[in-house]
Amino acid sequence: MDIITELKDETLLEKYKLPKGSMTLVDAELSGQMDRETSGLRKTMASGGSAANTIHGLARLGIESAYVGKIGNDDLGRFFLKDMEIAGIYPILYQSFTETGRVMAYVSPDSERTMATCLGAAIELSADDIVPGIFNGHDYLYIEGYLINNHKLFAKAIQMGKENGLKVCVDLASFTVVDQYRDILQSDIQQVDIIFANEEEARSLTGLAPDDALKALAESCEIAVVKIGAEGSLIRKGNGAVHVPAPRVKSIDTTGAGDIYAAGFLYGLAHSLDLEKSGMIGTLLASRVIQVMGPKLPEEVWREVVGEIGAVARRQ
């Protein structure tokens, strides 16, 4: 679950040594302490997690989808399950006696988000849970980079996805994750079909600036995407590369921007659109979600963007 808190300044981040814009793992005690310390600030709650945000976006776009994870037998877990079912996502949710994982997402006044993550039951998902047949009927497997913390699970998911003929997609998730697991990631992504990274993650993995990092990543996979914030995104397949600019909008909260970009991009690929149009749809969704608080678009915004996405798809 995502518990999103609007900060008045960066004092909390400095106190708990949370690198701005990153994800830091914390235990349940520290997570609870920070939650209590910010009790007087505005908060919102939503089912979250990087892959869950992406799959919610795909479901809203009419893509048949499923989600694999682990929850606790508690109120947060029941909220998460119900939210999946309401969205029309097939939930493959194992249950644990450990409490449901939660992310304390802190939004700075400049709209940048910093996450303190207590994995809870989520960390108990294991390679043994990835059983034969789990990917039947699907074409794409989307894995969040945070899963690299359990490398056995990460590697088995990629292996079984490839064995079942799925296009395997990995979002690098956070530059702190890449810093910690750089060597492993550099090896594992040789088996991946599509890589999503932001500028910091791409630099951390390759040591290169965005354009050169894009080229390096594209040598390891079929499609590489490097998101460059307000400047949009760079996309490369083989020797062909495109730059999709982003519209200038007032950003309130960047939580979930990369996740919903991936949803839009994969929606485009699933409908056989080219890289530019797929990137445009991802950019459209990302530009909308940063104008609201939280990682999901409100119903009234979805009604608007569906028509805009159709217009992009029909462009000559």
C-alpha atoms as a PDB file:
ATOM      1  CA  MET A   1       0.000   0.000   0.000  1.00  0.00           C
ATOM      2  CA  ASP A   2       1.108   3.559  -0.709  1.00  0.00           C
ATOM      3  CA  ILE A   3       0.647   6.075   2.101  1.00  0.00           C
ATOM      4  CA  ILE A   4       1.385   9.426   0.463  1.00  0.00           C
ATOM      5  CA  THR A   5       2.299  12.357   2.705  1.00  0.00           C
ATOM      6  CA  GLU A   6       2.657  15.965   1.561  1.00  0.00           C
ATOM      7  CA  LEU A   7       5.699  17.504   3.270  1.00  0.00           C
ATOM      8  CA  LYS A   8       6.033  21.201   4.062  1.00  0.00           C
ATOM      9  CA  ASP A   9       9.832  21.019   3.836  1.00  0.00           C
ATOM     10  CA  GLU A  10      12.617  18.427   3.668  1.00  0.00           C
ATOM     11  CA  THR A  11      13.370  18.243   7.405  1.00  0.00           C
ATOM     12  CA  LEU A  12      12.011  14.679   7.718  1.00  0.00           C
ATOM     13  CA  LEU A  13      14.115  13.471   4.781  1.00  0.00           C
ATOM     14  CA  GLU A  14      17.241  14.970   6.316  1.00  0.00           C
ATOM     15  CA  LYS A  15      16.466  13.602   9.791  1.00  0.00           C
ATOM     16  CA  TYR A  16      16.077  10.023   8.577  1.00  0.00           C
ATOM     17  CA  LYS A  17      18.778  10.310   5.872  1.00  0.00           C
ATOM     18  CA  LEU A  18      16.382   9.509   3.034  1.00  0.00           C
ATOM     19  CA  PRO A  19      18.019  10.489  -0.299  1.00  0.00           C
ATOM     20  CA  LYS A  20      15.568  12.739  -2.083  1.00  0.00           C
ATOM     21  CA  GLY A  21      13.939  11.053  -5.055  1.00  0.00           C
ATOM     22  CA  SER A  22      15.046   7.563  -4.024  1.00  0.00           C
ATOM     23  CA  MET A  23      13.611   4.447  -2.410  1.00  0.00           C
ATOM     24  CA  THR A  24      15.021   3.310   0.949  1.00  0.00           C
ATOM     25  CA  LEU A  25      14.100   0.079   2.715  1.00  0.00           C
ATOM     26  CA  VAL A  26      13.012   0.507   6.353  1.00  0.00           C
ATOM     27  CA  ASP A  27      11.637  -1.853   8.990  1.00  0.00           C
ATOM     28  CA  ALA A  28       8.097  -1.787  10.374  1.00  0.00           C
ATOM     29  CA  GLU A  29       9.143   0.068  13.539  1.00  0.00           C
ATOM     30  CA  LEU A  30      10.823   2.933  11.669  1.00  0.00           C
ATOM     31  CA  SER A  31       7.973   3.100   9.139  1.00  0.00           C
ATOM     32  CA  GLY A  32       5.465   3.440  11.980  1.00  0.00           C
ATOM     33  CA  GLN A  33       7.615   6.064  13.699  1.00  0.00           C
ATOM     34  CA  MET A  34       7.761   8.239  10.586  1.00  0.00           C
ATOM     35  CA  ASP A  35       4.042   7.804  10.027  1.00  0.00           C
ATOM     36  CA  ARG A  36       3.291   9.011  13.554  1.00  0.00           C
ATOM     37  CA  GLU A  37       5.722  11.907  13.225  1.00  0.00           C
ATOM     38  CA  THR A  38       3.835  13.157  10.158  1.00  0.00           C
ATOM     39  CA  SER A  39       0.365  12.538  11.591  1.00  0.00           C
ATOM     40  CA  GLY A  40      -0.594  16.207  11.268  1.00  0.00           C
ATOM     41  CA  LEU A  41       0.167  16.388   7.545  1.00  0.00           C
ATOM     42  CA  ARG A  42      -2.145  15.637   4.649  1.00  0.00           C
ATOM     43  CA  LYS A  43      -2.098  11.965   3.653  1.00  0.00           C
ATOM     44  CA  THR A  44      -3.763   9.793   1.022  1.00  0.00           C
ATOM     45  CA  MET A  45      -3.764   6.006   0.699  1.00  0.00           C
ATOM     46  CA  ALA A  46      -3.882   3.783  -2.383  1.00  0.00           C
ATOM     47  CA  SER A  47      -2.880   0.286  -3.372  1.00  0.00           C
ATOM     48  CA  GLY A  48       0.601   0.679  -4.718  1.00  0.00           C
ATOM     49  CA  GLY A  49       3.907  -0.787  -5.660  1.00  0.00           C
ATOM     50  CA  SER A  50       5.538  -0.058  -8.995  1.00  0.00           C
ATOM     51  CA  ALA A  51       4.243  -3.083 -10.912  1.00  0.00           C
ATOM     52  CA  ALA A  52       0.786  -2.747  -9.344  1.00  0.00           C
ATOM     53  CA  ASN A  53       0.548   0.868 -10.508  1.00  0.00           C
ATOM     54  CA  THR A  54       1.515  -0.180 -14.034  1.00  0.00           C
ATOM     55  CA  ILE A  55      -0.963  -3.037 -14.174  1.00  0.00           C
ATOM     56  CA  HIS A  56      -3.748  -0.776 -12.880  1.00  0.00           C
ATOM     57  CA  GLY A  57      -3.044   1.591 -15.764  1.00  0.00           C
ATOM     58  CA  LEU A  58      -3.128  -1.251 -18.282  1.00  0.00           C
ATOM     59  CA  ALA A  59      -6.392  -2.567 -16.830  1.00  0.00           C
ATOM     60  CA  ARG A  60      -7.981   0.874 -17.131  1.00  0.00           C
ATOM     61  CA  LEU A  61      -6.927   0.879 -20.785  1.00  0.00           C
ATOM     62  CA  GLY A  62      -8.754  -2.403 -21.333  1.00  0.00           C
ATOM     63  CA  ILE A  63      -5.779  -4.761 -21.303  1.00  0.00           C
ATOM     64  CA  GLU A  64      -6.523  -8.161 -19.725  1.00  0.00           C
ATOM     65  CA  SER A  65      -4.014  -8.538 -16.916  1.00  0.00           C
ATOM     66  CA  ALA A  66      -3.037 -10.378 -13.758  1.00  0.00           C
ATOM     67  CA  TYR A  67      -0.847  -9.514 -10.789  1.00  0.00           C
ATOM     68  CA  VAL A  68       1.354 -11.752  -8.617  1.00  0.00           C
ATOM     69  CA  GLY A  69       2.175 -10.694  -5.066  1.00  0.00           C
ATOM     70  CA  LYS A  70       1.849 -11.439  -1.361  1.00  0.00           C
ATOM     71  CA  ILE A  71      -0.279  -9.686   1.255  1.00  0.00           C
ATOM     72  CA  GLY A  72      -0.938  -9.947   4.985  1.00  0.00           C
ATOM     73  CA  ASN A  73      -4.185 -11.025   6.611  1.00  0.00           C
ATOM     74  CA  ASP A  74      -4.984  -7.457   7.652  1.00  0.00           C
ATOM     75  CA  ASP A  75      -6.971  -4.397   6.631  1.00  0.00           C
ATOM     76  CA  LEU A  76      -4.284  -3.169   4.238  1.00  0.00           C
ATOM     77  CA  GLY A  77      -4.164  -6.565   2.539  1.00  0.00           C
ATOM     78  CA  ARG A  78      -7.929  -6.703   2.161  1.00  0.00           C
ATOM     79  CA  PHE A  79      -7.917  -3.155   0.744  1.00  0.00           C
ATOM     80  CA  PHE A  80      -5.255  -4.185  -1.769  1.00  0.00           C
ATOM     81  CA  LEU A  81      -7.162  -7.299  -2.891  1.00  0.00           C
ATOM     82  CA  LYS A  82     -10.450  -5.433  -3.290  1.00  0.00           C
ATOM     83  CA  ASP A  83      -8.763  -2.672  -5.255  1.00  0.00           C
ATOM     84  CA  MET A  84      -7.331  -5.241  -7.686  1.00  0.00           C
ATOM     85  CA  GLU A  85     -10.699  -6.915  -8.168  1.00  0.00           C
ATOM     86  CA  ILE A  86     -12.532  -3.616  -8.707  1.00  0.00           C
ATOM     87  CA  ALA A  87      -9.968  -2.683 -11.372  1.00  0.00           C
ATOM     88  CA  GLY A  88     -10.641  -5.948 -13.221  1.00  0.00           C
ATOM     89  CA  ILE A  89      -7.170  -7.364 -12.548  1.00  0.00           C
ATOM     90  CA  TYR A  90      -6.901 -11.106 -11.876  1.00  0.00           C
ATOM     91  CA  PRO A  91      -5.202 -11.262  -8.443  1.00  0.00           C
ATOM     92  CA  ILE A  92      -2.704 -14.034  -7.760  1.00  0.00           C
ATOM     93  CA  LEU A  93      -2.142 -12.941  -4.167  1.00  0.00           C
ATOM     94  CA  TYR A  94      -0.576 -15.322  -1.695  1.00  0.00           C
ATOM     95  CA  GLN A  95      -1.349 -14.637   1.963  1.00  0.00           C
ATOM     96  CA  SER A  96       1.004 -14.346   4.925  1.00  0.00           C
ATOM     97  CA  PHE A  97       0.792 -13.830   8.683  1.00  0.00           C
ATOM     98  CA  THR A  98       3.207 -10.929   8.221  1.00  0.00           C
ATOM     99  CA  GLU A  99       1.599  -7.504   7.835  1.00  0.00           C
ATOM    100  CA  THR A 100       1.023  -6.129   4.350  1.00  0.00           C
ATOM    101  CA  GLY A 101       3.908  -4.101   2.955  1.00  0.00           C
ATOM    102  CA  ARG A 102       3.590  -0.335   2.819  1.00  0.00           C
ATOM    103  CA  VAL A 103       5.444   2.544   1.226  1.00  0.00           C
ATOM    104  CA  MET A 104       5.626   5.872   3.008  1.00  0.00           C
ATOM    105  CA  ALA A 105       5.830   8.164  -0.020  1.00  0.00           C
ATOM    106  CA  TYR A 106       6.901  11.678   0.964  1.00  0.00           C
ATOM    107  CA  VAL A 107       6.181  14.449  -1.524  1.00  0.00           C
ATOM    108  CA  SER A 108       8.446  17.511  -1.225  1.00  0.00           C
ATOM    109  CA  PRO A 109       7.178  21.033  -2.014  1.00  0.00           C
ATOM    110  CA  ASP A 110       8.866  20.776  -5.438  1.00  0.00           C
ATOM    111  CA  SER A 111       6.698  17.659  -6.170  1.00  0.00           C
ATOM    112  CA  GLU A 112       9.634  15.202  -5.958  1.00  0.00           C
ATOM    113  CA  ARG A 113       8.736  11.982  -4.159  1.00  0.00           C
ATOM    114  CA  THR A 114      10.950  10.013  -1.762  1.00  0.00           C
ATOM    115  CA  MET A 115       9.948   6.541  -0.594  1.00  0.00           C
ATOM    116  CA  ALA A 116      10.580   4.682   2.645  1.00  0.00           C
ATOM    117  CA  THR A 117       9.505   1.115   2.010  1.00  0.00           C
ATOM    118  CA  CYS A 118       8.573  -1.539   4.562  1.00  0.00           C
ATOM    119  CA  LEU A 119       8.243  -4.647   2.426  1.00  0.00           C
ATOM    120  CA  GLY A 120       6.288  -6.671   4.986  1.00  0.00           C
ATOM    121  CA  ALA A 121       4.599  -9.719   3.451  1.00  0.00           C
ATOM    122  CA  ALA A 122       5.775  -8.718  -0.025  1.00  0.00           C
ATOM    123  CA  ILE A 123       9.326  -9.824   0.749  1.00  0.00           C
ATOM    124  CA  GLU A 124       8.040 -13.337   1.460  1.00  0.00           C
ATOM    125  CA  LEU A 125       7.025 -13.911  -2.146  1.00  0.00           C
ATOM    126  CA  SER A 126       9.476 -16.582  -3.253  1.00  0.00           C
ATOM    127  CA  ALA A 127      10.723 -18.341  -6.345  1.00  0.00           C
ATOM    128  CA  ASP A 128       8.608 -21.348  -5.306  1.00  0.00           C
ATOM    129  CA  ASP A 129       5.485 -19.211  -5.816  1.00  0.00           C
ATOM    130  CA  ILE A 130       6.290 -18.849  -9.524  1.00  0.00           C
ATOM    131  CA  VAL A 131       4.697 -22.132 -10.537  1.00  0.00           C
ATOM    132  CA  PRO A 132       4.216 -23.746 -13.973  1.00  0.00           C
ATOM    133  CA  GLY A 133       1.265 -22.242 -15.811  1.00  0.00           C
ATOM    134  CA  ILE A 134       1.242 -18.974 -13.883  1.00  0.00           C
ATOM    135  CA  PHE A 135       1.958 -16.978 -17.076  1.00  0.00           C
ATOM    136  CA  ASN A 136      -0.382 -18.912 -19.370  1.00  0.00           C
ATOM    137  CA  GLY A 137      -2.504 -16.710 -21.609  1.00  0.00           C
ATOM    138  CA  HIS A 138      -0.292 -13.645 -21.310  1.00  0.00           C
ATOM    139  CA  ASP A 139       2.039 -11.932 -23.761  1.00  0.00           C
ATOM    140  CA  TYR A 140       4.086  -9.616 -21.541  1.00  0.00           C
ATOM    141  CA  LEU A 141       5.690 -10.053 -18.131  1.00  0.00           C
ATOM    142  CA  TYR A 142       6.401  -6.797 -16.300  1.00  0.00           C
ATOM    143  CA  ILE A 143       8.831  -6.930 -13.368  1.00  0.00           C
ATOM    144  CA  GLU A 144       9.763  -4.034 -11.108  1.00  0.00           C
ATOM    145  CA  GLY A 145      13.451  -3.620 -10.368  1.00  0.00           C
ATOM    146  CA  TYR A 146      12.836  -3.630  -6.618  1.00  0.00           C
ATOM    147  CA  LEU A 147      12.357  -7.409  -6.956  1.00  0.00           C
ATOM    148  CA  ILE A 148      16.124  -7.758  -7.449  1.00  0.00           C
ATOM    149  CA  ASN A 149      16.352  -7.744  -3.628  1.00  0.00           C
ATOM    150  CA  ASN A 150      15.258 -11.383  -3.964  1.00  0.00           C
ATOM    151  CA  HIS A 151      17.465 -12.382  -6.843  1.00  0.00           C
ATOM    152  CA  LYS A 152      16.332 -16.016  -6.904  1.00  0.00           C
ATOM    153  CA  LEU A 153      12.741 -14.858  -7.431  1.00  0.00           C
ATOM    154  CA  PHE A 154      13.777 -12.180  -9.943  1.00  0.00           C
ATOM    155  CA  ALA A 155      15.808 -14.637 -12.010  1.00  0.00           C
ATOM    156  CA  LYS A 156      13.157 -17.373 -11.958  1.00  0.00           C
ATOM    157  CA  ALA A 157      10.428 -14.974 -13.084  1.00  0.00           C
ATOM    158  CA  ILE A 158      12.566 -13.888 -16.037  1.00  0.00           C
ATOM    159  CA  GLN A 159      13.474 -17.478 -16.881  1.00  0.00           C
ATOM    160  CA  MET A 160       9.890 -18.764 -16.782  1.00  0.00           C
ATOM    161  CA  GLY A 161       8.642 -15.754 -18.703  1.00  0.00           C
ATOM    162  CA  LYS A 162      11.120 -16.433 -21.486  1.00  0.00           C
ATOM    163  CA  GLU A 163      10.363 -20.172 -21.479  1.00  0.00           C
ATOM    164  CA  ASN A 164       6.662 -19.370 -21.920  1.00  0.00           C
ATOM    165  CA  GLY A 165       7.313 -17.018 -24.837  1.00  0.00           C
ATOM    166  CA  LEU A 166       6.482 -13.757 -23.046  1.00  0.00           C
ATOM    167  CA  LYS A 167       8.161 -10.446 -23.719  1.00  0.00           C
ATOM    168  CA  VAL A 168       9.960  -9.737 -20.430  1.00  0.00           C
ATOM    169  CA  CYS A 169       9.979  -6.101 -19.305  1.00  0.00           C
ATOM    170  CA  VAL A 170      11.985  -4.718 -16.385  1.00  0.00           C
ATOM    171  CA  ASP A 171      11.781  -1.252 -14.868  1.00  0.00           C
ATOM    172  CA  LEU A 172      15.015  -0.444 -13.028  1.00  0.00           C
ATOM    173  CA  ALA A 173      12.920   1.245 -10.286  1.00  0.00           C
ATOM    174  CA  SER A 174      15.476   3.356  -8.368  1.00  0.00           C
ATOM    175  CA  PHE A 175      19.081   4.476  -8.747  1.00  0.00           C
ATOM    176  CA  THR A 176      19.772   3.235  -5.204  1.00  0.00           C
ATOM    177  CA  VAL A 177      18.668  -0.269  -6.271  1.00  0.00           C
ATOM    178  CA  VAL A 178      20.871  -0.104  -9.355  1.00  0.00           C
ATOM    179  CA  ASP A 179      23.839   1.109  -7.302  1.00  0.00           C
ATOM    180  CA  GLN A 180      23.499  -1.864  -4.976  1.00  0.00           C
ATOM    181  CA  TYR A 181      22.908  -4.569  -7.597  1.00  0.00           C
ATOM    182  CA  ARG A 182      24.700  -3.166 -10.653  1.00  0.00           C
ATOM    183  CA  ASP A 183      26.735  -6.273 -11.528  1.00  0.00           C
ATOM    184  CA  ILE A 184      23.758  -8.627 -11.169  1.00  0.00           C
ATOM    185  CA  LEU A 185      21.500  -6.362 -13.214  1.00  0.00           C
ATOM    186  CA  GLN A 186      24.051  -6.009 -15.986  1.00  0.00           C
ATOM    187  CA  SER A 187      24.037  -9.790 -16.293  1.00  0.00           C
ATOM    188  CA  ASP A 188      20.290 -10.351 -15.931  1.00  0.00           C
ATOM    189  CA  ILE A 189      19.184  -7.731 -18.436  1.00  0.00           C
ATOM    190  CA  GLN A 190      20.862  -9.715 -21.196  1.00  0.00           C
ATOM    191  CA  GLN A 191      17.725 -11.912 -21.047  1.00  0.00           C
ATOM    192  CA  VAL A 192      15.252  -9.011 -20.917  1.00  0.00           C
ATOM    193  CA  ASP A 193      13.303  -7.769 -23.956  1.00  0.00           C
ATOM    194  CA  ILE A 194      12.306  -4.273 -22.778  1.00  0.00           C
ATOM    195  CA  ILE A 195      14.094  -2.065 -20.236  1.00  0.00           C
ATOM    196  CA  PHE A 196      12.625   1.074 -18.651  1.00  0.00           C
ATOM    197  CA  ALA A 197      14.958   3.452 -16.791  1.00  0.00           C
ATOM    198  CA  ASN A 198      15.036   7.072 -15.800  1.00  0.00           C
ATOM    199  CA  GLU A 199      18.102   9.216 -16.362  1.00  0.00           C
ATOM    200  CA  GLU A 200      19.628   8.547 -12.918  1.00  0.00           C
ATOM    201  CA  GLU A 201      19.051   4.781 -13.127  1.00  0.00           C
ATOM    202  CA  ALA A 202      20.521   4.592 -16.633  1.00  0.00           C
ATOM    203  CA  ARG A 203      23.577   6.559 -15.531  1.00  0.00           C
ATOM    204  CA  SER A 204      24.031   4.359 -12.469  1.00  0.00           C
ATOM    205  CA  LEU A 205      23.885   1.181 -14.564  1.00  0.00           C
ATOM    206  CA  THR A 206      26.013   2.314 -17.504  1.00  0.00           C
ATOM    207  CA  GLY A 207      27.981   5.302 -16.228  1.00  0.00           C
ATOM    208  CA  LEU A 208      26.816   7.231 -19.291  1.00  0.00           C
ATOM    209  CA  ALA A 209      24.706  10.282 -20.161  1.00  0.00           C
ATOM    210  CA  PRO A 210      21.150   9.566 -21.440  1.00  0.00           C
ATOM    211  CA  ASP A 211      21.832   9.263 -25.203  1.00  0.00           C
ATOM    212  CA  ASP A 212      24.844   7.012 -24.749  1.00  0.00           C
ATOM    213  CA  ALA A 213      23.141   5.065 -21.945  1.00  0.00           C
ATOM    214  CA  LEU A 214      20.187   4.425 -24.263  1.00  0.00           C
ATOM    215  CA  LYS A 215      22.488   3.015 -26.914  1.00  0.00           C
ATOM    216  CA  ALA A 216      24.264   0.803 -24.384  1.00  0.00           C
ATOM    217  CA  LEU A 217      20.997  -0.542 -22.980  1.00  0.00           C
ATOM    218  CA  ALA A 218      19.622  -1.206 -26.468  1.00  0.00           C
ATOM    219  CA  GLU A 219      22.627  -3.433 -27.137  1.00  0.00           C
ATOM    220  CA  SER A 220      21.448  -5.661 -24.266  1.00  0.00           C
ATOM    221  CA  CYS A 221      17.748  -5.897 -25.140  1.00  0.00           C
ATOM    222  CA  GLU A 222      15.183  -5.450 -27.906  1.00  0.00           C
ATOM    223  CA  ILE A 223      13.793  -2.069 -26.745  1.00  0.00           C
ATOM    224  CA  ALA A 224      15.339   0.432 -24.316  1.00  0.00           C
ATOM    225  CA  VAL A 225      13.517   3.418 -22.829  1.00  0.00           C
ATOM    226  CA  VAL A 226      15.267   6.200 -20.907  1.00  0.00           C
ATOM    227  CA  LYS A 227      12.954   8.761 -19.307  1.00  0.00           C
ATOM    228  CA  ILE A 228      14.499  12.213 -18.992  1.00  0.00           C
ATOM    229  CA  GLY A 229      11.952  14.010 -16.833  1.00  0.00           C
ATOM    230  CA  ALA A 230      10.522  17.230 -18.220  1.00  0.00           C
ATOM    231  CA  GLU A 231      12.373  16.615 -21.493  1.00  0.00           C
ATOM    232  CA  GLY A 232      10.333  13.465 -22.205  1.00  0.00           C
ATOM    233  CA  SER A 233      11.809  10.096 -23.112  1.00  0.00           C
ATOM    234  CA  LEU A 234      14.343   8.462 -25.401  1.00  0.00           C
ATOM    235  CA  ILE A 235      13.440   5.143 -27.040  1.00  0.00           C
ATOM    236  CA  ARG A 236      15.654   2.860 -29.086  1.00  0.00           C
ATOM    237  CA  LYS A 237      15.240  -0.428 -30.938  1.00  0.00           C
ATOM    238  CA  GLY A 238      18.228  -1.658 -32.879  1.00  0.00           C
ATOM    239  CA  ASN A 239      19.614   1.288 -34.824  1.00  0.00           C
ATOM    240  CA  GLY A 240      16.378   3.268 -34.702  1.00  0.00           C
ATOM    241  CA  ALA A 241      15.868   5.861 -31.963  1.00  0.00           C
ATOM    242  CA  VAL A 242      13.198   8.462 -31.221  1.00  0.00           C
ATOM    243  CA  HIS A 243      12.834  11.314 -28.756  1.00  0.00           C
ATOM    244  CA  VAL A 244       9.305  11.863 -27.433  1.00  0.00           C
ATOM    245  CA  PRO A 245       9.038  15.312 -25.793  1.00  0.00           C
ATOM    246  CA  ALA A 246       6.866  15.941 -22.750  1.00  0.00           C
ATOM    247  CA  PRO A 247       4.288  18.731 -22.477  1.00  0.00           C
ATOM    248  CA  ARG A 248       4.932  21.530 -19.997  1.00  0.00           C
ATOM    249  CA  VAL A 249       2.552  21.055 -17.077  1.00  0.00           C
ATOM    250  CA  LYS A 250       2.426  22.042 -13.414  1.00  0.00           C
ATOM    251  CA  SER A 251       3.734  19.074 -11.436  1.00  0.00           C
ATOM    252  CA  ILE A 252       2.180  18.362  -8.036  1.00  0.00           C
ATOM    253  CA  ASP A 253       3.443  14.848  -7.300  1.00  0.00           C
ATOM    254  CA  THR A 254       5.711  12.649  -9.424  1.00  0.00           C
ATOM    255  CA  THR A 255       4.628   9.435  -7.652  1.00  0.00           C
ATOM    256  CA  GLY A 256       3.747   6.776 -10.220  1.00  0.00           C
ATOM    257  CA  ALA A 257       4.799   8.784 -13.287  1.00  0.00           C
ATOM    258  CA  GLY A 258       7.250   6.154 -14.498  1.00  0.00           C
ATOM    259  CA  ASP A 259       4.816   3.352 -13.684  1.00  0.00           C
ATOM    260  CA  ILE A 260       1.959   4.775 -15.733  1.00  0.00           C
ATOM    261  CA  TYR A 261       4.364   5.714 -18.537  1.00  0.00           C
ATOM    262  CA  ALA A 262       5.187   2.003 -18.790  1.00  0.00           C
ATOM    263  CA  ALA A 263       1.453   1.186 -18.877  1.00  0.00           C
ATOM    264  CA  GLY A 264       0.910   3.546 -21.794  1.00  0.00           C
ATOM    265  CA  PHE A 265       3.993   2.349 -23.647  1.00  0.00           C
ATOM    266  CA  LEU A 266       3.048  -1.329 -23.289  1.00  0.00           C
ATOM    267  CA  TYR A 267      -0.528  -0.539 -24.325  1.00  0.00           C
ATOM    268  CA  GLY A 268       0.883   0.894 -27.526  1.00  0.00           C
ATOM    269  CA  LEU A 269       3.055  -2.150 -28.189  1.00  0.00           C
ATOM    270  CA  ALA A 270       0.129  -4.498 -27.453  1.00  0.00           C
ATOM    271  CA  HIS A 271      -1.811  -2.666 -30.179  1.00  0.00           C
ATOM    272  CA  SER A 272       1.091  -2.873 -32.646  1.00  0.00           C
ATOM    273  CA  LEU A 273       1.768   0.864 -32.539  1.00  0.00           C
ATOM    274  CA  ASP A 274       5.254   2.113 -33.360  1.00  0.00           C
ATOM    275  CA  LEU A 275       7.770   3.257 -30.751  1.00  0.00           C
ATOM    276  CA  GLU A 276       6.953   6.938 -31.125  1.00  0.00           C
ATOM    277  CA  LYS A 277       3.203   6.504 -30.681  1.00  0.00           C
ATOM    278  CA  SER A 278       3.727   4.113 -27.774  1.00  0.00           C
ATOM    279  CA  GLY A 279       6.022   6.671 -26.157  1.00  0.00           C
ATOM    280  CA  MET A 280       3.491   9.429 -26.782  1.00  0.00           C
ATOM    281  CA  ILE A 281       0.785   7.477 -24.976  1.00  0.00           C
ATOM    282  CA  GLY A 282       3.115   6.796 -22.059  1.00  0.00           C
ATOM    283  CA  THR A 283       4.072  10.472 -21.936  1.00  0.00           C
ATOM    284  CA  LEU A 284       0.439  11.568 -22.077  1.00  0.00           C
ATOM    285  CA  LEU A 285      -0.453   9.425 -19.067  1.00  0.00           C
ATOM    286  CA  ALA A 286       2.654  10.446 -17.111  1.00  0.00           C
ATOM    287  CA  SER A 287       2.003  14.145 -17.750  1.00  0.00           C
ATOM    288  CA  ARG A 288      -1.511  13.725 -16.370  1.00  0.00           C
ATOM    289  CA  VAL A 289      -0.603  11.740 -13.252  1.00  0.00           C
ATOM    290  CA  ILE A 290       1.989  14.275 -12.062  1.00  0.00           C
ATOM    291  CA  GLN A 291      -0.787  16.871 -11.949  1.00  0.00           C
ATOM    292  CA  VAL A 292      -2.648  14.946  -9.224  1.00  0.00           C
ATOM    293  CA  MET A 293      -1.667  13.638  -5.801  1.00  0.00           C
ATOM    294  CA  GLY A 294      -0.941   9.920  -5.797  1.00  0.00           C
ATOM    295  CA  PRO A 295      -0.007   7.300  -8.415  1.00  0.00           C
ATOM    296  CA  LYS A 296      -3.426   6.853 -10.070  1.00  0.00           C
ATOM    297  CA  LEU A 297      -5.572   9.043 -12.290  1.00  0.00           C
ATOM    298  CA  PRO A 298      -9.041  10.071 -11.093  1.00  0.00           C
ATOM    299  CA  GLU A 299     -12.053   8.768 -13.009  1.00  0.00           C
ATOM    300  CA  GLU A 300     -12.793  12.096 -14.674  1.00  0.00           C
ATOM    301  CA  VAL A 301      -9.231  12.304 -16.009  1.00  0.00           C
ATOM    302  CA  TRP A 302      -9.434   8.787 -17.440  1.00  0.00           C
ATOM    303  CA  ARG A 303     -12.533   9.786 -19.388  1.00  0.00           C
ATOM    304  CA  GLU A 304     -10.534  12.586 -21.000  1.00  0.00           C
ATOM    305  CA  VAL A 305      -7.337  10.673 -21.760  1.00  0.00           C
ATOM    306  CA  VAL A 306      -9.021   7.676 -23.391  1.00  0.00           C
ATOM    307  CA  GLY A 307     -10.134   9.921 -26.246  1.00  0.00           C
ATOM    308  CA  GLU A 308      -6.684  11.516 -26.470  1.00  0.00           C
ATOM    309  CA  ILE A 309      -5.026   8.105 -26.633  1.00  0.00           C
ATOM    310  CA  GLY A 310      -7.350   7.119 -29.468  1.00  0.00           C
ATOM    311  CA  ALA A 311      -6.322  10.260 -31.340  1.00  0.00           C
ATOM    312  CA  VAL A 312      -2.636   9.377 -30.940  1.00  0.00           C
ATOM    313  CA  ALA A 313      -3.242   5.839 -32.209  1.00  0.00           C
ATOM    314  CA  ARG A 314      -5.053   7.136 -35.311  1.00  0.00           C
ATOM    315  CA  ARG A 315      -2.380   9.662 -36.261  1.00  0.00           C
ATOM    316  CA  GLN A 316      -0.878   9.160 -39.699  1.00  0.00           C
END
